[in-house]
């Protein structure tokens, strides 16, 4: 195989340049993009954790539930009182 033919075996990037010709500048850019993505994912995960914690705490707090549904709470209290009163 001639030396000019071996050049065809080297894959090229979408911009037309050889992949092997990527310099340290492009590698640093890739590292920076990866680090920025990691920070964004960590931030999103932190927000999600806060929202889930708040939602679970609110759902399990009976005082908040009574505040959100006062008539249902009174009906349940009446039913429980009636049940134990007639027993």
C-alpha atoms as a PDB file:
ATOM      1  CA  UNK A   1       0.000   0.000   0.000  1.00  0.00           C
ATOM      2  CA  UNK A   2       1.383   3.399  -0.891  1.00  0.00           C
ATOM      3  CA  UNK A   3       1.837   6.103   1.704  1.00  0.00           C
ATOM      4  CA  UNK A   4      -0.915   8.255   0.179  1.00  0.00           C
ATOM      5  CA  UNK A   5      -3.387   5.378   0.537  1.00  0.00           C
ATOM      6  CA  UNK A   6      -2.828   5.035   4.289  1.00  0.00           C
ATOM      7  CA  UNK A   7      -4.181   8.544   4.760  1.00  0.00           C
ATOM      8  CA  UNK A   8      -7.610   7.284   3.682  1.00  0.00           C
ATOM      9  CA  UNK A   9      -7.714   4.838   6.632  1.00  0.00           C
ATOM     10  CA  UNK A  10      -7.590   7.635   9.216  1.00  0.00           C
ATOM     11  CA  UNK A  11     -11.133   8.631  10.249  1.00  0.00           C
ATOM     12  CA  UNK A  12     -12.091  12.256   9.909  1.00  0.00           C
ATOM     13  CA  UNK A  13     -14.281  14.385  12.117  1.00  0.00           C
ATOM     14  CA  UNK A  14     -17.505  16.026  10.995  1.00  0.00           C
ATOM     15  CA  UNK A  15     -15.646  19.287  10.394  1.00  0.00           C
ATOM     16  CA  UNK A  16     -13.433  17.567   7.819  1.00  0.00           C
ATOM     17  CA  UNK A  17     -10.230  17.579   9.882  1.00  0.00           C
ATOM     18  CA  UNK A  18      -8.468  14.453  11.016  1.00  0.00           C
ATOM     19  CA  UNK A  19      -9.526  13.157  14.407  1.00  0.00           C
ATOM     20  CA  UNK A  20      -5.877  12.488  15.255  1.00  0.00           C
ATOM     21  CA  UNK A  21      -5.075  16.152  14.689  1.00  0.00           C
ATOM     22  CA  UNK A  22      -7.103  17.360  17.666  1.00  0.00           C
ATOM     23  CA  UNK A  23      -4.843  19.372  19.850  1.00  0.00           C
ATOM     24  CA  UNK A  24      -4.718  19.915  23.577  1.00  0.00           C
ATOM     25  CA  UNK A  25      -6.903  23.012  23.145  1.00  0.00           C
ATOM     26  CA  UNK A  26      -9.835  20.918  21.964  1.00  0.00           C
ATOM     27  CA  UNK A  27      -9.237  18.384  24.746  1.00  0.00           C
ATOM     28  CA  UNK A  28      -9.389  21.208  27.298  1.00  0.00           C
ATOM     29  CA  UNK A  29     -12.643  22.443  25.760  1.00  0.00           C
ATOM     30  CA  UNK A  30     -14.124  18.958  26.037  1.00  0.00           C
ATOM     31  CA  UNK A  31     -13.027  18.705  29.673  1.00  0.00           C
ATOM     32  CA  UNK A  32     -14.611  22.091  30.405  1.00  0.00           C
ATOM     33  CA  UNK A  33     -17.872  21.015  28.758  1.00  0.00           C
ATOM     34  CA  UNK A  34     -17.896  17.808  30.782  1.00  0.00           C
ATOM     35  CA  UNK A  35     -17.261  19.727  34.004  1.00  0.00           C
ATOM     36  CA  UNK A  36     -20.022  22.226  33.164  1.00  0.00           C
ATOM     37  CA  UNK A  37     -22.397  19.332  32.488  1.00  0.00           C
ATOM     38  CA  UNK A  38     -21.472  17.740  35.815  1.00  0.00           C
ATOM     39  CA  UNK A  39     -22.160  20.991  37.655  1.00  0.00           C
ATOM     40  CA  UNK A  40     -25.501  21.385  35.894  1.00  0.00           C
ATOM     41  CA  UNK A  41     -26.518  17.803  36.713  1.00  0.00           C
ATOM     42  CA  UNK A  42     -25.487  18.242  40.355  1.00  0.00           C
ATOM     43  CA  UNK A  43     -27.482  21.473  40.575  1.00  0.00           C
ATOM     44  CA  UNK A  44     -30.562  19.847  38.998  1.00  0.00           C
ATOM     45  CA  UNK A  45     -30.258  16.867  41.310  1.00  0.00           C
ATOM     46  CA  UNK A  46     -30.052  19.170  44.333  1.00  0.00           C
ATOM     47  CA  UNK A  47     -33.193  21.016  43.250  1.00  0.00           C
ATOM     48  CA  UNK A  48     -35.038  17.748  42.660  1.00  0.00           C
ATOM     49  CA  UNK A  49     -34.032  16.436  46.074  1.00  0.00           C
ATOM     50  CA  UNK A  50     -35.264  19.628  47.743  1.00  0.00           C
ATOM     51  CA  UNK A  51     -38.608  19.461  45.923  1.00  0.00           C
ATOM     52  CA  UNK A  52     -39.131  15.793  46.781  1.00  0.00           C
ATOM     53  CA  UNK A  53     -38.238  16.340  50.429  1.00  0.00           C
ATOM     54  CA  UNK A  54     -40.606  19.302  50.687  1.00  0.00           C
ATOM     55  CA  UNK A  55     -43.430  17.393  48.997  1.00  0.00           C
ATOM     56  CA  UNK A  56     -43.009  14.329  51.220  1.00  0.00           C
ATOM     57  CA  UNK A  57     -42.826  16.406  54.389  1.00  0.00           C
ATOM     58  CA  UNK A  58     -45.945  18.317  53.360  1.00  0.00           C
ATOM     59  CA  UNK A  59     -47.829  15.108  52.505  1.00  0.00           C
ATOM     60  CA  UNK A  60     -46.965  13.478  55.838  1.00  0.00           C
ATOM     61  CA  UNK A  61     -47.756  16.506  58.025  1.00  0.00           C
ATOM     62  CA  UNK A  62     -51.289  15.968  59.347  1.00  0.00           C
ATOM     63  CA  UNK A  63     -51.643  19.619  60.363  1.00  0.00           C
ATOM     64  CA  UNK A  64     -50.988  20.718  56.784  1.00  0.00           C
ATOM     65  CA  UNK A  65     -53.423  18.099  55.489  1.00  0.00           C
ATOM     66  CA  UNK A  66     -56.152  19.367  57.853  1.00  0.00           C
ATOM     67  CA  UNK A  67     -55.379  22.924  56.779  1.00  0.00           C
ATOM     68  CA  UNK A  68     -55.695  21.932  53.103  1.00  0.00           C
ATOM     69  CA  UNK A  69     -58.871  19.801  53.568  1.00  0.00           C
ATOM     70  CA  UNK A  70     -60.816  21.124  56.598  1.00  0.00           C
ATOM     71  CA  UNK A  71     -64.241  19.638  55.748  1.00  0.00           C
ATOM     72  CA  UNK A  72     -62.827  16.200  55.041  1.00  0.00           C
ATOM     73  CA  UNK A  73     -60.890  16.315  58.319  1.00  0.00           C
ATOM     74  CA  UNK A  74     -64.032  17.244  60.263  1.00  0.00           C
ATOM     75  CA  UNK A  75     -65.974  14.440  58.542  1.00  0.00           C
ATOM     76  CA  UNK A  76     -63.299  11.881  59.379  1.00  0.00           C
ATOM     77  CA  UNK A  77     -63.119  13.091  62.991  1.00  0.00           C
ATOM     78  CA  UNK A  78     -66.915  12.869  63.262  1.00  0.00           C
ATOM     79  CA  UNK A  79     -66.923   9.334  61.807  1.00  0.00           C
ATOM     80  CA  UNK A  80     -64.193   8.130  64.137  1.00  0.00           C
ATOM     81  CA  UNK A  81     -65.924   9.737  67.132  1.00  0.00           C
ATOM     82  CA  UNK A  82     -69.247   8.162  66.146  1.00  0.00           C
ATOM     83  CA  UNK A  83     -67.619   4.747  65.723  1.00  0.00           C
ATOM     84  CA  UNK A  84     -65.987   4.794  69.155  1.00  0.00           C
ATOM     85  CA  UNK A  85     -69.046   6.400  70.776  1.00  0.00           C
ATOM     86  CA  UNK A  86     -71.399   3.647  69.620  1.00  0.00           C
ATOM     87  CA  UNK A  87     -69.045   0.846  70.511  1.00  0.00           C
END
